[in-house]
Full PDB file with SEQRES, HELIX, SHEET, SSBOND, CRYST1, ORIGX, SCALE, CONECT and MASTER records, all heavy atoms in Angstrom:
SEQRES   1 A   31  VAL GLY VAL GLU THR GLY HIS ASP PRO LEU LEU ARG TRP          
SEQRES   2 A   31  LEU ASN LYS PRO GLY GLY ALA ASP GLU ALA ALA GLU PHE          
SEQRES   3 A   31  VAL ALA CYS LEU LYS                                          
HELIX    1 AA1 ASP A    8  TRP A   13  1                                   6    
HELIX    2 AA2 ALA A   20  LEU A   30  1                                  11    
CRYST1    1.000    1.000    1.000  90.00  90.00  90.00 P 1           1          
ORIGX1      1.000000  0.000000  0.000000        0.00000                         
ORIGX2      0.000000  1.000000  0.000000        0.00000                         
ORIGX3      0.000000  0.000000  1.000000        0.00000                         
SCALE1      1.000000  0.000000  0.000000        0.00000                         
SCALE2      0.000000  1.000000  0.000000        0.00000                         
SCALE3      0.000000  0.000000  1.000000        0.00000                         
ATOM      1  N   VAL A   1      25.135  -1.455  -8.149  1.00  0.00           N  
ATOM      2  CA  VAL A   1      25.509  -0.249  -7.408  1.00  0.00           C  
ATOM      3  C   VAL A   1      25.641  -0.579  -5.921  1.00  0.00           C  
ATOM      4  O   VAL A   1      24.687  -1.060  -5.301  1.00  0.00           O  
ATOM      5  CB  VAL A   1      24.453   0.860  -7.593  1.00  0.00           C  
ATOM      6  CG1 VAL A   1      24.912   2.150  -6.912  1.00  0.00           C  
ATOM      7  CG2 VAL A   1      24.164   1.103  -9.066  1.00  0.00           C  
ATOM      8  N   GLY A   2      26.799  -0.303  -5.360  1.00  0.00           N  
ATOM      9  CA  GLY A   2      26.988  -0.473  -3.922  1.00  0.00           C  
ATOM     10  C   GLY A   2      26.445   0.739  -3.180  1.00  0.00           C  
ATOM     11  O   GLY A   2      27.165   1.711  -2.940  1.00  0.00           O  
ATOM     12  N   VAL A   3      25.172   0.686  -2.817  1.00  0.00           N  
ATOM     13  CA  VAL A   3      24.555   1.788  -2.071  1.00  0.00           C  
ATOM     14  C   VAL A   3      25.011   1.749  -0.616  1.00  0.00           C  
ATOM     15  O   VAL A   3      25.257   2.776   0.008  1.00  0.00           O  
ATOM     16  CB  VAL A   3      23.013   1.709  -2.174  1.00  0.00           C  
ATOM     17  CG1 VAL A   3      22.362   2.841  -1.376  1.00  0.00           C  
ATOM     18  CG2 VAL A   3      22.574   1.776  -3.631  1.00  0.00           C  
ATOM     19  N   GLU A   4      25.083   0.562  -0.039  1.00  0.00           N  
ATOM     20  CA  GLU A   4      25.539   0.252   1.320  1.00  0.00           C  
ATOM     21  C   GLU A   4      24.531   0.639   2.398  1.00  0.00           C  
ATOM     22  O   GLU A   4      24.169  -0.163   3.235  1.00  0.00           O  
ATOM     23  CB  GLU A   4      26.910   0.890   1.648  1.00  0.00           C  
ATOM     24  CG  GLU A   4      27.924   0.953   0.524  1.00  0.00           C  
ATOM     25  CD  GLU A   4      28.247  -0.367  -0.155  1.00  0.00           C  
ATOM     26  OE1 GLU A   4      27.713  -1.413   0.234  1.00  0.00           O  
ATOM     27  OE2 GLU A   4      29.011  -0.342  -1.130  1.00  0.00           O  
ATOM     28  N   THR A   5      24.079   1.888   2.409  1.00  0.00           N  
ATOM     29  CA  THR A   5      23.152   2.362   3.433  1.00  0.00           C  
ATOM     30  C   THR A   5      22.429   3.611   2.943  1.00  0.00           C  
ATOM     31  O   THR A   5      22.954   4.357   2.110  1.00  0.00           O  
ATOM     32  CB  THR A   5      23.888   2.678   4.746  1.00  0.00           C  
ATOM     33  OG1 THR A   5      22.943   3.161   5.731  1.00  0.00           O  
ATOM     34  CG2 THR A   5      24.949   3.742   4.547  1.00  0.00           C  
ATOM     35  N   GLY A   6      21.242   3.845   3.476  1.00  0.00           N  
ATOM     36  CA  GLY A   6      20.530   5.079   3.200  1.00  0.00           C  
ATOM     37  C   GLY A   6      20.772   6.141   4.250  1.00  0.00           C  
ATOM     38  O   GLY A   6      20.220   7.246   4.169  1.00  0.00           O  
ATOM     39  N   HIS A   7      21.590   5.839   5.251  1.00  0.00           N  
ATOM     40  CA  HIS A   7      21.866   6.757   6.364  1.00  0.00           C  
ATOM     41  C   HIS A   7      23.142   7.540   6.057  1.00  0.00           C  
ATOM     42  O   HIS A   7      24.252   6.998   6.141  1.00  0.00           O  
ATOM     43  CB  HIS A   7      22.007   5.967   7.665  1.00  0.00           C  
ATOM     44  CG  HIS A   7      22.143   6.830   8.882  1.00  0.00           C  
ATOM     45  ND1 HIS A   7      21.261   7.842   9.198  1.00  0.00           N  
ATOM     46  CD2 HIS A   7      23.069   6.819   9.882  1.00  0.00           C  
ATOM     47  CE1 HIS A   7      21.619   8.419  10.325  1.00  0.00           C  
ATOM     48  NE2 HIS A   7      22.724   7.820  10.756  1.00  0.00           N  
ATOM     49  N   ASP A   8      22.989   8.806   5.713  1.00  0.00           N  
ATOM     50  CA  ASP A   8      24.128   9.603   5.259  1.00  0.00           C  
ATOM     51  C   ASP A   8      25.265   9.701   6.281  1.00  0.00           C  
ATOM     52  O   ASP A   8      26.442   9.609   5.901  1.00  0.00           O  
ATOM     53  CB  ASP A   8      23.661  10.999   4.864  1.00  0.00           C  
ATOM     54  CG  ASP A   8      22.856  10.983   3.566  1.00  0.00           C  
ATOM     55  OD1 ASP A   8      22.727   9.898   2.959  1.00  0.00           O  
ATOM     56  OD2 ASP A   8      22.350  12.056   3.165  1.00  0.00           O  
ATOM     57  N   PRO A   9      24.992   9.895   7.582  1.00  0.00           N  
ATOM     58  CA  PRO A   9      26.110   9.951   8.542  1.00  0.00           C  
ATOM     59  C   PRO A   9      26.922   8.657   8.565  1.00  0.00           C  
ATOM     60  O   PRO A   9      28.147   8.701   8.717  1.00  0.00           O  
ATOM     61  CB  PRO A   9      25.407  10.203   9.879  1.00  0.00           C  
ATOM     62  CG  PRO A   9      24.152  10.919   9.514  1.00  0.00           C  
ATOM     63  CD  PRO A   9      23.714  10.281   8.223  1.00  0.00           C  
ATOM     64  N   LEU A  10      26.257   7.510   8.400  1.00  0.00           N  
ATOM     65  CA  LEU A  10      26.990   6.246   8.355  1.00  0.00           C  
ATOM     66  C   LEU A  10      27.824   6.174   7.084  1.00  0.00           C  
ATOM     67  O   LEU A  10      28.982   5.733   7.106  1.00  0.00           O  
ATOM     68  CB  LEU A  10      26.023   5.064   8.423  1.00  0.00           C  
ATOM     69  CG  LEU A  10      26.631   3.665   8.220  1.00  0.00           C  
ATOM     70  CD1 LEU A  10      27.772   3.403   9.193  1.00  0.00           C  
ATOM     71  CD2 LEU A  10      25.552   2.598   8.361  1.00  0.00           C  
ATOM     72  N   LEU A  11      27.281   6.615   5.959  1.00  0.00           N  
ATOM     73  CA  LEU A  11      28.038   6.587   4.711  1.00  0.00           C  
ATOM     74  C   LEU A  11      29.286   7.451   4.826  1.00  0.00           C  
ATOM     75  O   LEU A  11      30.365   7.058   4.364  1.00  0.00           O  
ATOM     76  CB  LEU A  11      27.152   7.076   3.560  1.00  0.00           C  
ATOM     77  CG  LEU A  11      27.537   6.613   2.155  1.00  0.00           C  
ATOM     78  CD1 LEU A  11      27.424   5.100   2.034  1.00  0.00           C  
ATOM     79  CD2 LEU A  11      26.665   7.284   1.117  1.00  0.00           C  
ATOM     80  N   ARG A  12      29.157   8.613   5.465  1.00  0.00           N  
ATOM     81  CA  ARG A  12      30.336   9.469   5.669  1.00  0.00           C  
ATOM     82  C   ARG A  12      31.332   8.787   6.584  1.00  0.00           C  
ATOM     83  O   ARG A  12      32.553   8.891   6.378  1.00  0.00           O  
ATOM     84  CB  ARG A  12      29.908  10.818   6.247  1.00  0.00           C  
ATOM     85  CG  ARG A  12      29.188  11.718   5.237  1.00  0.00           C  
ATOM     86  CD  ARG A  12      29.079  13.138   5.740  1.00  0.00           C  
ATOM     87  NE  ARG A  12      28.206  13.241   6.905  1.00  0.00           N  
ATOM     88  CZ  ARG A  12      26.898  13.428   6.847  1.00  0.00           C  
ATOM     89  NH1 ARG A  12      26.279  13.527   5.677  1.00  0.00           N  
ATOM     90  NH2 ARG A  12      26.185  13.529   7.955  1.00  0.00           N  
ATOM     91  N   TRP A  13      30.843   8.091   7.610  1.00  0.00           N  
ATOM     92  CA  TRP A  13      31.729   7.386   8.540  1.00  0.00           C  
ATOM     93  C   TRP A  13      32.492   6.269   7.815  1.00  0.00           C  
ATOM     94  O   TRP A  13      33.624   5.948   8.171  1.00  0.00           O  
ATOM     95  CB  TRP A  13      30.900   6.805   9.697  1.00  0.00           C  
ATOM     96  CG  TRP A  13      31.720   6.355  10.858  1.00  0.00           C  
ATOM     97  CD1 TRP A  13      32.355   7.138  11.780  1.00  0.00           C  
ATOM     98  CD2 TRP A  13      31.980   5.005  11.245  1.00  0.00           C  
ATOM     99  NE1 TRP A  13      33.005   6.366  12.711  1.00  0.00           N  
ATOM    100  CE2 TRP A  13      32.781   5.049  12.404  1.00  0.00           C  
ATOM    101  CE3 TRP A  13      31.603   3.767  10.731  1.00  0.00           C  
ATOM    102  CZ2 TRP A  13      33.225   3.893  13.054  1.00  0.00           C  
ATOM    103  CZ3 TRP A  13      32.040   2.617  11.378  1.00  0.00           C  
ATOM    104  CH2 TRP A  13      32.838   2.684  12.525  1.00  0.00           C  
ATOM    105  N   LEU A  14      31.877   5.722   6.786  1.00  0.00           N  
ATOM    106  CA  LEU A  14      32.524   4.685   5.973  1.00  0.00           C  
ATOM    107  C   LEU A  14      33.450   5.278   4.910  1.00  0.00           C  
ATOM    108  O   LEU A  14      34.080   4.531   4.156  1.00  0.00           O  
ATOM    109  CB  LEU A  14      31.467   3.812   5.293  1.00  0.00           C  
ATOM    110  CG  LEU A  14      30.529   3.045   6.217  1.00  0.00           C  
ATOM    111  CD1 LEU A  14      29.431   2.361   5.409  1.00  0.00           C  
ATOM    112  CD2 LEU A  14      31.301   2.019   7.047  1.00  0.00           C  
ATOM    113  N   ASN A  15      33.498   6.622   4.840  1.00  0.00           N  
ATOM    114  CA  ASN A  15      34.322   7.343   3.869  1.00  0.00           C  
ATOM    115  C   ASN A  15      33.927   7.005   2.438  1.00  0.00           C  
ATOM    116  O   ASN A  15      34.775   6.853   1.558  1.00  0.00           O  
ATOM    117  CB  ASN A  15      35.819   7.053   4.083  1.00  0.00           C  
ATOM    118  CG  ASN A  15      36.692   8.079   3.378  1.00  0.00           C  
ATOM    119  OD1 ASN A  15      36.349   9.254   3.303  1.00  0.00           O  
ATOM    120  ND2 ASN A  15      37.828   7.636   2.859  1.00  0.00           N  
ATOM    121  N   LYS A  16      32.613   6.917   2.213  1.00  0.00           N  
ATOM    122  CA  LYS A  16      32.118   6.683   0.862  1.00  0.00           C  
ATOM    123  C   LYS A  16      31.318   7.900   0.431  1.00  0.00           C  
ATOM    124  O   LYS A  16      30.323   8.262   1.067  1.00  0.00           O  
ATOM    125  CB  LYS A  16      31.246   5.434   0.817  1.00  0.00           C  
ATOM    126  CG  LYS A  16      30.811   5.074  -0.599  1.00  0.00           C  
ATOM    127  CD  LYS A  16      30.380   3.629  -0.716  1.00  0.00           C  
ATOM    128  CE  LYS A  16      30.170   3.247  -2.171  1.00  0.00           C  
ATOM    129  NZ  LYS A  16      29.917   1.815  -2.344  1.00  0.00           N  
ATOM    130  N   PRO A  17      31.709   8.558  -0.644  1.00  0.00           N  
ATOM    131  CA  PRO A  17      30.991   9.758  -1.095  1.00  0.00           C  
ATOM    132  C   PRO A  17      29.564   9.443  -1.522  1.00  0.00           C  
ATOM    133  O   PRO A  17      29.213   8.296  -1.817  1.00  0.00           O  
ATOM    134  CB  PRO A  17      31.830  10.239  -2.290  1.00  0.00           C  
ATOM    135  CG  PRO A  17      33.168   9.614  -2.110  1.00  0.00           C  
ATOM    136  CD  PRO A  17      32.907   8.291  -1.452  1.00  0.00           C  
ATOM    137  N   GLY A  18      28.766  10.477  -1.582  1.00  0.00           N  
ATOM    138  CA  GLY A  18      27.378  10.340  -2.011  1.00  0.00           C  
ATOM    139  C   GLY A  18      26.436  10.413  -0.830  1.00  0.00           C  
ATOM    140  O   GLY A  18      26.794  10.843   0.259  1.00  0.00           O  
ATOM    141  N   GLY A  19      25.206   9.987  -1.042  1.00  0.00           N  
ATOM    142  CA  GLY A  19      24.190  10.029   0.001  1.00  0.00           C  
ATOM    143  C   GLY A  19      22.882   9.522  -0.549  1.00  0.00           C  
ATOM    144  O   GLY A  19      22.772   9.146  -1.727  1.00  0.00           O  
ATOM    145  N   ALA A  20      21.861   9.511   0.290  1.00  0.00           N  
ATOM    146  CA  ALA A  20      20.566   8.957  -0.113  1.00  0.00           C  
ATOM    147  C   ALA A  20      19.954   9.733  -1.278  1.00  0.00           C  
ATOM    148  O   ALA A  20      19.412   9.133  -2.213  1.00  0.00           O  
ATOM    149  CB  ALA A  20      19.623   8.955   1.089  1.00  0.00           C  
ATOM    150  N   ASP A  21      20.027  11.049  -1.248  1.00  0.00           N  
ATOM    151  CA  ASP A  21      19.452  11.837  -2.342  1.00  0.00           C  
ATOM    152  C   ASP A  21      20.157  11.543  -3.661  1.00  0.00           C  
ATOM    153  O   ASP A  21      19.507  11.394  -4.707  1.00  0.00           O  
ATOM    154  CB  ASP A  21      19.531  13.327  -2.031  1.00  0.00           C  
ATOM    155  CG  ASP A  21      18.571  13.757  -0.929  1.00  0.00           C  
ATOM    156  OD1 ASP A  21      17.622  12.996  -0.643  1.00  0.00           O  
ATOM    157  OD2 ASP A  21      18.775  14.850  -0.362  1.00  0.00           O  
ATOM    158  N   GLU A  22      21.481  11.473  -3.606  1.00  0.00           N  
ATOM    159  CA  GLU A  22      22.245  11.175  -4.814  1.00  0.00           C  
ATOM    160  C   GLU A  22      21.920   9.780  -5.334  1.00  0.00           C  
ATOM    161  O   GLU A  22      21.790   9.563  -6.548  1.00  0.00           O  
ATOM    162  CB  GLU A  22      23.744  11.301  -4.543  1.00  0.00           C  
ATOM    163  CG  GLU A  22      24.239  12.716  -4.338  1.00  0.00           C  
ATOM    164  CD  GLU A  22      24.117  13.165  -2.887  1.00  0.00           C  
ATOM    165  OE1 GLU A  22      23.405  12.511  -2.114  1.00  0.00           O  
ATOM    166  OE2 GLU A  22      24.734  14.192  -2.550  1.00  0.00           O  
ATOM    167  N   ALA A  23      21.788   8.812  -4.408  1.00  0.00           N  
ATOM    168  CA  ALA A  23      21.459   7.446  -4.818  1.00  0.00           C  
ATOM    169  C   ALA A  23      20.092   7.394  -5.486  1.00  0.00           C  
ATOM    170  O   ALA A  23      19.910   6.719  -6.512  1.00  0.00           O  
ATOM    171  CB  ALA A  23      21.508   6.512  -3.618  1.00  0.00           C  
ATOM    172  N   ALA A  24      19.108   8.103  -4.904  1.00  0.00           N  
ATOM    173  CA  ALA A  24      17.757   8.104  -5.484  1.00  0.00           C  
ATOM    174  C   ALA A  24      17.770   8.703  -6.884  1.00  0.00           C  
ATOM    175  O   ALA A  24      17.140   8.170  -7.815  1.00  0.00           O  
ATOM    176  CB  ALA A  24      16.810   8.874  -4.577  1.00  0.00           C  
ATOM    177  N   GLU A  25      18.480   9.800  -7.068  1.00  0.00           N  
ATOM    178  CA  GLU A  25      18.550  10.444  -8.380  1.00  0.00           C  
ATOM    179  C   GLU A  25      19.262   9.551  -9.393  1.00  0.00           C  
ATOM    180  O   GLU A  25      18.848   9.453 -10.562  1.00  0.00           O  
ATOM    181  CB  GLU A  25      19.267  11.788  -8.261  1.00  0.00           C  
ATOM    182  CG  GLU A  25      18.477  12.840  -7.483  1.00  0.00           C  
ATOM    183  CD  GLU A  25      19.265  14.112  -7.288  1.00  0.00           C  
ATOM    184  OE1 GLU A  25      20.373  14.212  -7.866  1.00  0.00           O  
ATOM    185  OE2 GLU A  25      18.797  15.011  -6.558  1.00  0.00           O  
ATOM    186  N   PHE A  26      20.330   8.890  -8.941  1.00  0.00           N  
ATOM    187  CA  PHE A  26      21.104   8.061  -9.863  1.00  0.00           C  
ATOM    188  C   PHE A  26      20.314   6.839 -10.308  1.00  0.00           C  
ATOM    189  O   PHE A  26      20.278   6.504 -11.499  1.00  0.00           O  
ATOM    190  CB  PHE A  26      22.415   7.639  -9.194  1.00  0.00           C  
ATOM    191  CG  PHE A  26      23.270   6.764 -10.067  1.00  0.00           C  
ATOM    192  CD1 PHE A  26      23.525   7.100 -11.380  1.00  0.00           C  
ATOM    193  CD2 PHE A  26      23.821   5.594  -9.573  1.00  0.00           C  
ATOM    194  CE1 PHE A  26      24.318   6.297 -12.194  1.00  0.00           C  
ATOM    195  CE2 PHE A  26      24.605   4.779 -10.371  1.00  0.00           C  
ATOM    196  CZ  PHE A  26      24.862   5.135 -11.679  1.00  0.00           C  
ATOM    197  N   VAL A  27      19.657   6.161  -9.367  1.00  0.00           N  
ATOM    198  CA  VAL A  27      18.868   4.986  -9.730  1.00  0.00           C  
ATOM    199  C   VAL A  27      17.725   5.386 -10.666  1.00  0.00           C  
ATOM    200  O   VAL A  27      17.431   4.690 -11.643  1.00  0.00           O  
ATOM    201  CB  VAL A  27      18.341   4.273  -8.474  1.00  0.00           C  
ATOM    202  CG1 VAL A  27      17.353   3.163  -8.839  1.00  0.00           C  
ATOM    203  CG2 VAL A  27      19.508   3.685  -7.670  1.00  0.00           C  
ATOM    204  N   ALA A  28      17.089   6.524 -10.392  1.00  0.00           N  
ATOM    205  CA  ALA A  28      16.022   7.002 -11.275  1.00  0.00           C  
ATOM    206  C   ALA A  28      16.560   7.262 -12.681  1.00  0.00           C  
ATOM    207  O   ALA A  28      15.889   6.970 -13.679  1.00  0.00           O  
ATOM    208  CB  ALA A  28      15.398   8.274 -10.704  1.00  0.00           C  
ATOM    209  N   CYS A  29      17.776   7.779 -12.786  1.00  0.00           N  
ATOM    210  CA  CYS A  29      18.401   8.038 -14.080  1.00  0.00           C  
ATOM    211  C   CYS A  29      18.645   6.727 -14.828  1.00  0.00           C  
ATOM    212  O   CYS A  29      18.353   6.618 -16.034  1.00  0.00           O  
ATOM    213  CB  CYS A  29      19.710   8.793 -13.874  1.00  0.00           C  
ATOM    214  SG  CYS A  29      20.672   9.084 -15.375  1.00  0.00           S  
ATOM    215  N   LEU A  30      19.181   5.722 -14.129  1.00  0.00           N  
ATOM    216  CA  LEU A  30      19.444   4.430 -14.759  1.00  0.00           C  
ATOM    217  C   LEU A  30      18.148   3.784 -15.247  1.00  0.00           C  
ATOM    218  O   LEU A  30      18.090   3.237 -16.360  1.00  0.00           O  
ATOM    219  CB  LEU A  30      20.148   3.494 -13.774  1.00  0.00           C  
ATOM    220  CG  LEU A  30      21.574   3.875 -13.367  1.00  0.00           C  
ATOM    221  CD1 LEU A  30      22.075   2.935 -12.284  1.00  0.00           C  
ATOM    222  CD2 LEU A  30      22.513   3.836 -14.571  1.00  0.00           C  
ATOM    223  N   LYS A  31      17.115   3.858 -14.420  1.00  0.00           N  
ATOM    224  CA  LYS A  31      15.838   3.254 -14.806  1.00  0.00           C  
ATOM    225  C   LYS A  31      15.218   4.000 -15.991  1.00  0.00           C  
ATOM    226  O   LYS A  31      14.643   3.380 -16.887  1.00  0.00           O  
ATOM    227  CB  LYS A  31      14.884   3.239 -13.621  1.00  0.00           C  
ATOM    228  CG  LYS A  31      15.334   2.356 -12.453  1.00  0.00           C  
ATOM    229  CD  LYS A  31      15.550   0.909 -12.883  1.00  0.00           C  
ATOM    230  CE  LYS A  31      14.277   0.297 -13.428  1.00  0.00           C  
ATOM    231  NZ  LYS A  31      14.517  -1.077 -13.962  1.00  0.00           N  
TER     232      LYS A  31                                                      
MASTER        0    0    0    2    0    0    0    6  231    1    0    3          
END                                                                             
């Protein structure tokens, strides 16, 4: 999974959807 960063404003600046909360929920689901 390309998380890239936990800083949501930076993720938006990179034009990548999602965010730290979504990443945490998704990784927990996979595990």
